[in-house]
Amino acid sequence: MPYFRNRPVDIVLDVRTKLEYWMGHLPGAIQIPVDALEEQLPRREDIGTGKAILVYCASGARSAQAAAIMKRMGYKRVTDAGGIAAARAEFSDG
């Protein structure tokens, strides 16, 4: 199980582009671009609204946007980790 700041995380969500994800991502991360969240999240049964979700991007701007979108969609346990460097510093994959 992954952890962020010593708290368990159910889902690690990378909201960057496919190319950015391909160039490097956190272990076990699922890639959904921020601009596709509203369309794709409802289709994902594995990403439930009650799951602890860690969201990150490259610098923190898209992750903040994604966290706001997700909270508006009813996701209650969303943590914005900011950019990948900051997320990586406080992330462990079990």
PDB file of N, CA and C in Angstrom:
ATOM      1  N   MET A   1       0.845  -1.185   0.000  1.00  0.00           N
ATOM      2  CA  MET A   1       0.000   0.000   0.000  1.00  0.00           C
ATOM      3  C   MET A   1       0.885   1.241   0.000  1.00  0.00           C
ATOM      4  N   PRO A   2       0.576   2.200  -0.852  1.00  0.00           N
ATOM      5  CA  PRO A   2       1.351   3.447  -0.862  1.00  0.00           C
ATOM      6  C   PRO A   2       0.984   4.343   0.322  1.00  0.00           C
ATOM      7  N   TYR A   3       1.935   5.193   0.692  1.00  0.00           N
ATOM      8  CA  TYR A   3       1.740   6.150   1.780  1.00  0.00           C
ATOM      9  C   TYR A   3       2.206   7.526   1.339  1.00  0.00           C
ATOM     10  N   PHE A   4       1.524   8.551   1.815  1.00  0.00           N
ATOM     11  CA  PHE A   4       1.935   9.929   1.595  1.00  0.00           C
ATOM     12  C   PHE A   4       1.903  10.612   2.947  1.00  0.00           C
ATOM     13  N   ARG A   5       3.024  11.165   3.363  1.00  0.00           N
ATOM     14  CA  ARG A   5       3.157  11.770   4.689  1.00  0.00           C
ATOM     15  C   ARG A   5       2.727  10.775   5.777  1.00  0.00           C
ATOM     16  N   ASN A   6       3.143   9.530   5.587  1.00  0.00           N
ATOM     17  CA  ASN A   6       2.884   8.432   6.524  1.00  0.00           C
ATOM     18  C   ASN A   6       1.411   8.068   6.675  1.00  0.00           C
ATOM     19  N   ARG A   7       0.575   8.487   5.735  1.00  0.00           N
ATOM     20  CA  ARG A   7      -0.841   8.109   5.738  1.00  0.00           C
ATOM     21  C   ARG A   7      -1.104   7.224   4.527  1.00  0.00           C
ATOM     22  N   PRO A   8      -1.898   6.159   4.711  1.00  0.00           N
ATOM     23  CA  PRO A   8      -2.176   5.265   3.585  1.00  0.00           C
ATOM     24  C   PRO A   8      -2.992   5.944   2.486  1.00  0.00           C
ATOM     25  N   VAL A   9      -2.685   5.571   1.260  1.00  0.00           N
ATOM     26  CA  VAL A   9      -3.358   6.112   0.083  1.00  0.00           C
ATOM     27  C   VAL A   9      -3.901   4.933  -0.725  1.00  0.00           C
ATOM     28  N   ASP A  10      -5.155   5.029  -1.146  1.00  0.00           N
ATOM     29  CA  ASP A  10      -5.755   3.970  -1.958  1.00  0.00           C
ATOM     30  C   ASP A  10      -5.396   4.115  -3.441  1.00  0.00           C
ATOM     31  N   ILE A  11      -5.414   5.350  -3.923  1.00  0.00           N
ATOM     32  CA  ILE A  11      -5.198   5.640  -5.346  1.00  0.00           C
ATOM     33  C   ILE A  11      -4.169   6.757  -5.478  1.00  0.00           C
ATOM     34  N   VAL A  12      -3.209   6.573  -6.366  1.00  0.00           N
ATOM     35  CA  VAL A  12      -2.253   7.626  -6.715  1.00  0.00           C
ATOM     36  C   VAL A  12      -2.608   8.059  -8.132  1.00  0.00           C
ATOM     37  N   LEU A  13      -2.959   9.326  -8.290  1.00  0.00           N
ATOM     38  CA  LEU A  13      -3.468   9.825  -9.565  1.00  0.00           C
ATOM     39  C   LEU A  13      -2.550  10.898 -10.138  1.00  0.00           C
ATOM     40  N   ASP A  14      -1.999  10.607 -11.292  1.00  0.00           N
ATOM     41  CA  ASP A  14      -1.131  11.529 -12.026  1.00  0.00           C
ATOM     42  C   ASP A  14      -1.999  12.241 -13.054  1.00  0.00           C
ATOM     43  N   VAL A  15      -2.138  13.562 -12.931  1.00  0.00           N
ATOM     44  CA  VAL A  15      -3.028  14.302 -13.830  1.00  0.00           C
ATOM     45  C   VAL A  15      -2.266  15.037 -14.938  1.00  0.00           C
ATOM     46  N   ARG A  16      -1.035  14.588 -15.201  1.00  0.00           N
ATOM     47  CA  ARG A  16      -0.244  15.159 -16.296  1.00  0.00           C
ATOM     48  C   ARG A  16      -0.615  14.471 -17.614  1.00  0.00           C
ATOM     49  N   THR A  17       0.058  14.851 -18.663  1.00  0.00           N
ATOM     50  CA  THR A  17      -0.169  14.244 -19.977  1.00  0.00           C
ATOM     51  C   THR A  17       0.435  12.838 -20.028  1.00  0.00           C
ATOM     52  N   LYS A  18       0.038  12.078 -21.037  1.00  0.00           N
ATOM     53  CA  LYS A  18       0.590  10.730 -21.215  1.00  0.00           C
ATOM     54  C   LYS A  18       2.102  10.775 -21.406  1.00  0.00           C
ATOM     55  N   LEU A  19       2.597  11.755 -22.135  1.00  0.00           N
ATOM     56  CA  LEU A  19       4.038  11.877 -22.355  1.00  0.00           C
ATOM     57  C   LEU A  19       4.767  12.147 -21.038  1.00  0.00           C
ATOM     58  N   GLU A  20       4.249  13.073 -20.240  1.00  0.00           N
ATOM     59  CA  GLU A  20       4.872  13.364 -18.943  1.00  0.00           C
ATOM     60  C   GLU A  20       4.878  12.113 -18.065  1.00  0.00           C
ATOM     61  N   TYR A  21       3.768  11.398 -18.051  1.00  0.00           N
ATOM     62  CA  TYR A  21       3.647  10.165 -17.271  1.00  0.00           C
ATOM     63  C   TYR A  21       4.671   9.137 -17.749  1.00  0.00           C
ATOM     64  N   TRP A  22       4.770   8.989 -19.048  1.00  0.00           N
ATOM     65  CA  TRP A  22       5.694   8.029 -19.642  1.00  0.00           C
ATOM     66  C   TRP A  22       7.142   8.344 -19.264  1.00  0.00           C
ATOM     67  N   MET A  23       7.447   9.623 -19.102  1.00  0.00           N
ATOM     68  CA  MET A  23       8.814  10.038 -18.778  1.00  0.00           C
ATOM     69  C   MET A  23       9.170   9.777 -17.310  1.00  0.00           C
ATOM     70  N   GLY A  24       8.195   9.442 -16.501  1.00  0.00           N
ATOM     71  CA  GLY A  24       8.446   9.128 -15.098  1.00  0.00           C
ATOM     72  C   GLY A  24       7.251   9.456 -14.234  1.00  0.00           C
ATOM     73  N   HIS A  25       6.903   8.534 -13.339  1.00  0.00           N
ATOM     74  CA  HIS A  25       5.750   8.732 -12.466  1.00  0.00           C
ATOM     75  C   HIS A  25       5.960   7.996 -11.146  1.00  0.00           C
ATOM     76  N   LEU A  26       5.114   8.278 -10.188  1.00  0.00           N
ATOM     77  CA  LEU A  26       5.180   7.592  -8.906  1.00  0.00           C
ATOM     78  C   LEU A  26       4.737   6.140  -9.082  1.00  0.00           C
ATOM     79  N   PRO A  27       5.291   5.225  -8.300  1.00  0.00           N
ATOM     80  CA  PRO A  27       4.923   3.811  -8.416  1.00  0.00           C
ATOM     81  C   PRO A  27       3.419   3.594  -8.237  1.00  0.00           C
ATOM     82  N   GLY A  28       2.837   2.846  -9.155  1.00  0.00           N
ATOM     83  CA  GLY A  28       1.420   2.504  -9.074  1.00  0.00           C
ATOM     84  C   GLY A  28       0.460   3.596  -9.495  1.00  0.00           C
ATOM     85  N   ALA A  29       0.979   4.719  -9.988  1.00  0.00           N
ATOM     86  CA  ALA A  29       0.110   5.839 -10.351  1.00  0.00           C
ATOM     87  C   ALA A  29      -0.761   5.512 -11.563  1.00  0.00           C
ATOM     88  N   ILE A  30      -1.979   6.018 -11.521  1.00  0.00           N
ATOM     89  CA  ILE A  30      -2.917   5.953 -12.641  1.00  0.00           C
ATOM     90  C   ILE A  30      -2.858   7.314 -13.319  1.00  0.00           C
ATOM     91  N   GLN A  31      -2.801   7.327 -14.633  1.00  0.00           N
ATOM     92  CA  GLN A  31      -2.695   8.590 -15.372  1.00  0.00           C
ATOM     93  C   GLN A  31      -4.038   8.945 -15.996  1.00  0.00           C
ATOM     94  N   ILE A  32      -4.576  10.084 -15.593  1.00  0.00           N
ATOM     95  CA  ILE A  32      -5.754  10.679 -16.231  1.00  0.00           C
ATOM     96  C   ILE A  32      -5.477  12.174 -16.311  1.00  0.00           C
ATOM     97  N   PRO A  33      -5.385  12.726 -17.511  1.00  0.00           N
ATOM     98  CA  PRO A  33      -5.107  14.162 -17.631  1.00  0.00           C
ATOM     99  C   PRO A  33      -6.191  14.991 -16.937  1.00  0.00           C
ATOM    100  N   VAL A  34      -5.803  16.096 -16.339  1.00  0.00           N
ATOM    101  CA  VAL A  34      -6.751  16.926 -15.598  1.00  0.00           C
ATOM    102  C   VAL A  34      -7.958  17.312 -16.449  1.00  0.00           C
ATOM    103  N   ASP A  35      -7.743  17.577 -17.735  1.00  0.00           N
ATOM    104  CA  ASP A  35      -8.859  18.004 -18.575  1.00  0.00           C
ATOM    105  C   ASP A  35      -9.806  16.860 -18.958  1.00  0.00           C
ATOM    106  N   ALA A  36      -9.471  15.635 -18.579  1.00  0.00           N
ATOM    107  CA  ALA A  36     -10.334  14.483 -18.869  1.00  0.00           C
ATOM    108  C   ALA A  36     -10.970  13.894 -17.603  1.00  0.00           C
ATOM    109  N   LEU A  37     -10.702  14.481 -16.449  1.00  0.00           N
ATOM    110  CA  LEU A  37     -11.197  13.920 -15.189  1.00  0.00           C
ATOM    111  C   LEU A  37     -12.715  13.794 -15.147  1.00  0.00           C
ATOM    112  N   GLU A  38     -13.420  14.864 -15.487  1.00  0.00           N
ATOM    113  CA  GLU A  38     -14.881  14.851 -15.381  1.00  0.00           C
ATOM    114  C   GLU A  38     -15.509  13.793 -16.288  1.00  0.00           C
ATOM    115  N   GLU A  39     -14.875  13.505 -17.396  1.00  0.00           N
ATOM    116  CA  GLU A  39     -15.377  12.488 -18.315  1.00  0.00           C
ATOM    117  C   GLU A  39     -14.977  11.082 -17.871  1.00  0.00           C
ATOM    118  N   GLN A  40     -13.732  10.909 -17.456  1.00  0.00           N
ATOM    119  CA  GLN A  40     -13.215   9.564 -17.198  1.00  0.00           C
ATOM    120  C   GLN A  40     -13.472   9.021 -15.796  1.00  0.00           C
ATOM    121  N   LEU A  41     -13.483   9.860 -14.779  1.00  0.00           N
ATOM    122  CA  LEU A  41     -13.649   9.356 -13.418  1.00  0.00           C
ATOM    123  C   LEU A  41     -14.943   8.565 -13.204  1.00  0.00           C
ATOM    124  N   PRO A  42     -16.079   9.049 -13.707  1.00  0.00           N
ATOM    125  CA  PRO A  42     -17.308   8.279 -13.494  1.00  0.00           C
ATOM    126  C   PRO A  42     -17.269   6.879 -14.121  1.00  0.00           C
ATOM    127  N   ARG A  43     -16.413   6.668 -15.086  1.00  0.00           N
ATOM    128  CA  ARG A  43     -16.280   5.361 -15.747  1.00  0.00           C
ATOM    129  C   ARG A  43     -15.386   4.400 -14.983  1.00  0.00           C
ATOM    130  N   ARG A  44     -14.659   4.907 -14.005  1.00  0.00           N
ATOM    131  CA  ARG A  44     -13.670   4.105 -13.278  1.00  0.00           C
ATOM    132  C   ARG A  44     -14.248   3.598 -11.962  1.00  0.00           C
ATOM    133  N   GLU A  45     -14.681   2.368 -11.945  1.00  0.00           N
ATOM    134  CA  GLU A  45     -15.234   1.785 -10.722  1.00  0.00           C
ATOM    135  C   GLU A  45     -14.171   1.625  -9.645  1.00  0.00           C
ATOM    136  N   ASP A  46     -12.903   1.542 -10.056  1.00  0.00           N
ATOM    137  CA  ASP A  46     -11.816   1.372  -9.087  1.00  0.00           C
ATOM    138  C   ASP A  46     -11.454   2.668  -8.356  1.00  0.00           C
ATOM    139  N   ILE A  47     -11.980   3.793  -8.818  1.00  0.00           N
ATOM    140  CA  ILE A  47     -11.687   5.078  -8.178  1.00  0.00           C
ATOM    141  C   ILE A  47     -12.989   5.610  -7.574  1.00  0.00           C
ATOM    142  N   GLY A  48     -13.337   5.062  -6.426  1.00  0.00           N
ATOM    143  CA  GLY A  48     -14.582   5.447  -5.763  1.00  0.00           C
ATOM    144  C   GLY A  48     -14.468   6.757  -5.004  1.00  0.00           C
ATOM    145  N   THR A  49     -15.608   7.373  -4.740  1.00  0.00           N
ATOM    146  CA  THR A  49     -15.631   8.678  -4.073  1.00  0.00           C
ATOM    147  C   THR A  49     -15.175   8.611  -2.622  1.00  0.00           C
ATOM    148  N   GLY A  50     -15.159   7.424  -2.017  1.00  0.00           N
ATOM    149  CA  GLY A  50     -14.729   7.285  -0.638  1.00  0.00           C
ATOM    150  C   GLY A  50     -13.269   6.886  -0.472  1.00  0.00           C
ATOM    151  N   LYS A  51     -12.566   6.676  -1.576  1.00  0.00           N
ATOM    152  CA  LYS A  51     -11.159   6.253  -1.518  1.00  0.00           C
ATOM    153  C   LYS A  51     -10.245   7.430  -1.179  1.00  0.00           C
ATOM    154  N   ALA A  52      -9.131   7.115  -0.523  1.00  0.00           N
ATOM    155  CA  ALA A  52      -8.102   8.120  -0.241  1.00  0.00           C
ATOM    156  C   ALA A  52      -7.263   8.271  -1.507  1.00  0.00           C
ATOM    157  N   ILE A  53      -7.354   9.436  -2.134  1.00  0.00           N
ATOM    158  CA  ILE A  53      -6.727   9.671  -3.442  1.00  0.00           C
ATOM    159  C   ILE A  53      -5.664  10.759  -3.319  1.00  0.00           C
ATOM    160  N   LEU A  54      -4.472  10.436  -3.787  1.00  0.00           N
ATOM    161  CA  LEU A  54      -3.362  11.379  -3.840  1.00  0.00           C
ATOM    162  C   LEU A  54      -3.236  11.863  -5.277  1.00  0.00           C
ATOM    163  N   VAL A  55      -3.284  13.166  -5.482  1.00  0.00           N
ATOM    164  CA  VAL A  55      -3.217  13.755  -6.825  1.00  0.00           C
ATOM    165  C   VAL A  55      -1.933  14.565  -6.959  1.00  0.00           C
ATOM    166  N   TYR A  56      -1.238  14.387  -8.082  1.00  0.00           N
ATOM    167  CA  TYR A  56      -0.036  15.194  -8.332  1.00  0.00           C
ATOM    168  C   TYR A  56       0.082  15.507  -9.817  1.00  0.00           C
ATOM    169  N   CYS A  57       0.927  16.480 -10.132  1.00  0.00           N
ATOM    170  CA  CYS A  57       1.200  16.863 -11.524  1.00  0.00           C
ATOM    171  C   CYS A  57       2.682  17.213 -11.636  1.00  0.00           C
ATOM    172  N   ALA A  58       3.027  18.176 -12.469  1.00  0.00           N
ATOM    173  CA  ALA A  58       4.426  18.559 -12.635  1.00  0.00           C
ATOM    174  C   ALA A  58       4.835  19.650 -11.636  1.00  0.00           C
ATOM    175  N   SER A  59       4.013  20.688 -11.511  1.00  0.00           N
ATOM    176  CA  SER A  59       4.390  21.822 -10.667  1.00  0.00           C
ATOM    177  C   SER A  59       3.435  22.098  -9.520  1.00  0.00           C
ATOM    178  N   GLY A  60       2.226  21.578  -9.601  1.00  0.00           N
ATOM    179  CA  GLY A  60       1.234  21.813  -8.560  1.00  0.00           C
ATOM    180  C   GLY A  60      -0.015  22.518  -9.050  1.00  0.00           C
ATOM    181  N   ALA A  61       0.046  23.178 -10.211  1.00  0.00           N
ATOM    182  CA  ALA A  61      -1.114  23.914 -10.718  1.00  0.00           C
ATOM    183  C   ALA A  61      -2.238  22.966 -11.145  1.00  0.00           C
ATOM    184  N   ARG A  62      -1.897  21.959 -11.932  1.00  0.00           N
ATOM    185  CA  ARG A  62      -2.925  21.026 -12.399  1.00  0.00           C
ATOM    186  C   ARG A  62      -3.460  20.146 -11.277  1.00  0.00           C
ATOM    187  N   SER A  63      -2.607  19.796 -10.309  1.00  0.00           N
ATOM    188  CA  SER A  63      -3.096  18.969  -9.201  1.00  0.00           C
ATOM    189  C   SER A  63      -4.093  19.751  -8.345  1.00  0.00           C
ATOM    190  N   ALA A  64      -3.858  21.034  -8.155  1.00  0.00           N
ATOM    191  CA  ALA A  64      -4.807  21.875  -7.407  1.00  0.00           C
ATOM    192  C   ALA A  64      -6.130  21.956  -8.157  1.00  0.00           C
ATOM    193  N   GLN A  65      -6.054  22.124  -9.462  1.00  0.00           N
ATOM    194  CA  GLN A  65      -7.259  22.163 -10.297  1.00  0.00           C
ATOM    195  C   GLN A  65      -7.986  20.821 -10.225  1.00  0.00           C
ATOM    196  N   ALA A  66      -7.233  19.724 -10.316  1.00  0.00           N
ATOM    197  CA  ALA A  66      -7.825  18.384 -10.271  1.00  0.00           C
ATOM    198  C   ALA A  66      -8.492  18.122  -8.930  1.00  0.00           C
ATOM    199  N   ALA A  67      -7.840  18.503  -7.832  1.00  0.00           N
ATOM    200  CA  ALA A  67      -8.416  18.298  -6.500  1.00  0.00           C
ATOM    201  C   ALA A  67      -9.730  19.053  -6.366  1.00  0.00           C
ATOM    202  N   ALA A  68      -9.789  20.273  -6.872  1.00  0.00           N
ATOM    203  CA  ALA A  68     -11.022  21.063  -6.816  1.00  0.00           C
ATOM    204  C   ALA A  68     -12.126  20.405  -7.642  1.00  0.00           C
ATOM    205  N   ILE A  69     -11.788  19.934  -8.829  1.00  0.00           N
ATOM    206  CA  ILE A  69     -12.764  19.245  -9.682  1.00  0.00           C
ATOM    207  C   ILE A  69     -13.297  18.004  -8.973  1.00  0.00           C
ATOM    208  N   MET A  70     -12.390  17.217  -8.426  1.00  0.00           N
ATOM    209  CA  MET A  70     -12.786  15.972  -7.779  1.00  0.00           C
ATOM    210  C   MET A  70     -13.656  16.220  -6.555  1.00  0.00           C
ATOM    211  N   LYS A  71     -13.316  17.218  -5.758  1.00  0.00           N
ATOM    212  CA  LYS A  71     -14.142  17.535  -4.586  1.00  0.00           C
ATOM    213  C   LYS A  71     -15.532  17.981  -5.020  1.00  0.00           C
ATOM    214  N   ARG A  72     -15.599  18.740  -6.086  1.00  0.00           N
ATOM    215  CA  ARG A  72     -16.897  19.169  -6.620  1.00  0.00           C
ATOM    216  C   ARG A  72     -17.706  17.966  -7.112  1.00  0.00           C
ATOM    217  N   MET A  73     -17.007  16.929  -7.589  1.00  0.00           N
ATOM    218  CA  MET A  73     -17.671  15.721  -8.086  1.00  0.00           C
ATOM    219  C   MET A  73     -18.055  14.755  -6.955  1.00  0.00           C
ATOM    220  N   GLY A  74     -17.699  15.092  -5.720  1.00  0.00           N
ATOM    221  CA  GLY A  74     -18.093  14.263  -4.593  1.00  0.00           C
ATOM    222  C   GLY A  74     -17.008  13.377  -4.017  1.00  0.00           C
ATOM    223  N   TYR A  75     -15.782  13.508  -4.497  1.00  0.00           N
ATOM    224  CA  TYR A  75     -14.662  12.753  -3.930  1.00  0.00           C
ATOM    225  C   TYR A  75     -14.257  13.447  -2.637  1.00  0.00           C
ATOM    226  N   LYS A  76     -14.349  12.724  -1.529  1.00  0.00           N
ATOM    227  CA  LYS A  76     -14.209  13.331  -0.212  1.00  0.00           C
ATOM    228  C   LYS A  76     -12.800  13.296   0.359  1.00  0.00           C
ATOM    229  N   ARG A  77     -11.989  12.351  -0.087  1.00  0.00           N
ATOM    230  CA  ARG A  77     -10.667  12.149   0.528  1.00  0.00           C
ATOM    231  C   ARG A  77      -9.551  12.378  -0.492  1.00  0.00           C
ATOM    232  N   VAL A  78      -9.502  13.576  -1.038  1.00  0.00           N
ATOM    233  CA  VAL A  78      -8.511  13.934  -2.055  1.00  0.00           C
ATOM    234  C   VAL A  78      -7.408  14.767  -1.411  1.00  0.00           C
ATOM    235  N   THR A  79      -6.167  14.356  -1.629  1.00  0.00           N
ATOM    236  CA  THR A  79      -5.014  15.113  -1.140  1.00  0.00           C
ATOM    237  C   THR A  79      -4.216  15.614  -2.336  1.00  0.00           C
ATOM    238  N   ASP A  80      -3.999  16.909  -2.390  1.00  0.00           N
ATOM    239  CA  ASP A  80      -3.202  17.521  -3.446  1.00  0.00           C
ATOM    240  C   ASP A  80      -1.744  17.514  -3.010  1.00  0.00           C
ATOM    241  N   ALA A  81      -0.935  16.681  -3.671  1.00  0.00           N
ATOM    242  CA  ALA A  81       0.490  16.586  -3.333  1.00  0.00           C
ATOM    243  C   ALA A  81       1.328  17.639  -4.041  1.00  0.00           C
ATOM    244  N   GLY A  82       0.737  18.373  -4.965  1.00  0.00           N
ATOM    245  CA  GLY A  82       1.484  19.373  -5.711  1.00  0.00           C
ATOM    246  C   GLY A  82       2.264  18.749  -6.854  1.00  0.00           C
ATOM    247  N   GLY A  83       3.476  19.229  -7.063  1.00  0.00           N
ATOM    248  CA  GLY A  83       4.315  18.726  -8.152  1.00  0.00           C
ATOM    249  C   GLY A  83       4.938  17.383  -7.822  1.00  0.00           C
ATOM    250  N   ILE A  84       5.407  16.711  -8.850  1.00  0.00           N
ATOM    251  CA  ILE A  84       5.951  15.363  -8.674  1.00  0.00           C
ATOM    252  C   ILE A  84       7.167  15.336  -7.752  1.00  0.00           C
ATOM    253  N   ALA A  85       8.005  16.357  -7.792  1.00  0.00           N
ATOM    254  CA  ALA A  85       9.191  16.368  -6.917  1.00  0.00           C
ATOM    255  C   ALA A  85       8.769  16.428  -5.449  1.00  0.00           C
ATOM    256  N   ALA A  86       7.806  17.288  -5.135  1.00  0.00           N
ATOM    257  CA  ALA A  86       7.309  17.397  -3.763  1.00  0.00           C
ATOM    258  C   ALA A  86       6.597  16.111  -3.351  1.00  0.00           C
ATOM    259  N   ALA A  87       5.815  15.551  -4.253  1.00  0.00           N
ATOM    260  CA  ALA A  87       5.097  14.310  -3.964  1.00  0.00           C
ATOM    261  C   ALA A  87       6.075  13.174  -3.703  1.00  0.00           C
ATOM    262  N   ARG A  88       7.095  13.081  -4.545  1.00  0.00           N
ATOM    263  CA  ARG A  88       8.087  12.004  -4.412  1.00  0.00           C
ATOM    264  C   ARG A  88       8.820  12.089  -3.066  1.00  0.00           C
ATOM    265  N   ALA A  89       9.056  13.302  -2.575  1.00  0.00           N
ATOM    266  CA  ALA A  89       9.783  13.494  -1.327  1.00  0.00           C
ATOM    267  C   ALA A  89       9.039  12.937  -0.115  1.00  0.00           C
ATOM    268  N   GLU A  90       7.700  12.883  -0.191  1.00  0.00           N
ATOM    269  CA  GLU A  90       6.921  12.430   0.955  1.00  0.00           C
ATOM    270  C   GLU A  90       6.120  11.161   0.667  1.00  0.00           C
ATOM    271  N   PHE A  91       6.485  10.467  -0.388  1.00  0.00           N
ATOM    272  CA  PHE A  91       5.752   9.284  -0.841  1.00  0.00           C
ATOM    273  C   PHE A  91       6.574   8.033  -0.572  1.00  0.00           C
ATOM    274  N   SER A  92       5.881   6.969  -0.171  1.00  0.00           N
ATOM    275  CA  SER A  92       6.535   5.654  -0.109  1.00  0.00           C
ATOM    276  C   SER A  92       5.534   4.641  -0.632  1.00  0.00           C
ATOM    277  N   ASP A  93       6.038   3.624  -1.296  1.00  0.00           N
ATOM    278  CA  ASP A  93       5.143   2.638  -1.899  1.00  0.00           C
ATOM    279  C   ASP A  93       5.038   1.371  -1.069  1.00  0.00           C
ATOM    280  N   GLY A  94       5.139   1.533   0.228  1.00  0.00           N
ATOM    281  CA  GLY A  94       4.896   0.404   1.130  1.00  0.00           C
ATOM    282  C   GLY A  94       6.157  -0.189   1.602  1.00  0.00           C
TER     283      GLY A  94
END
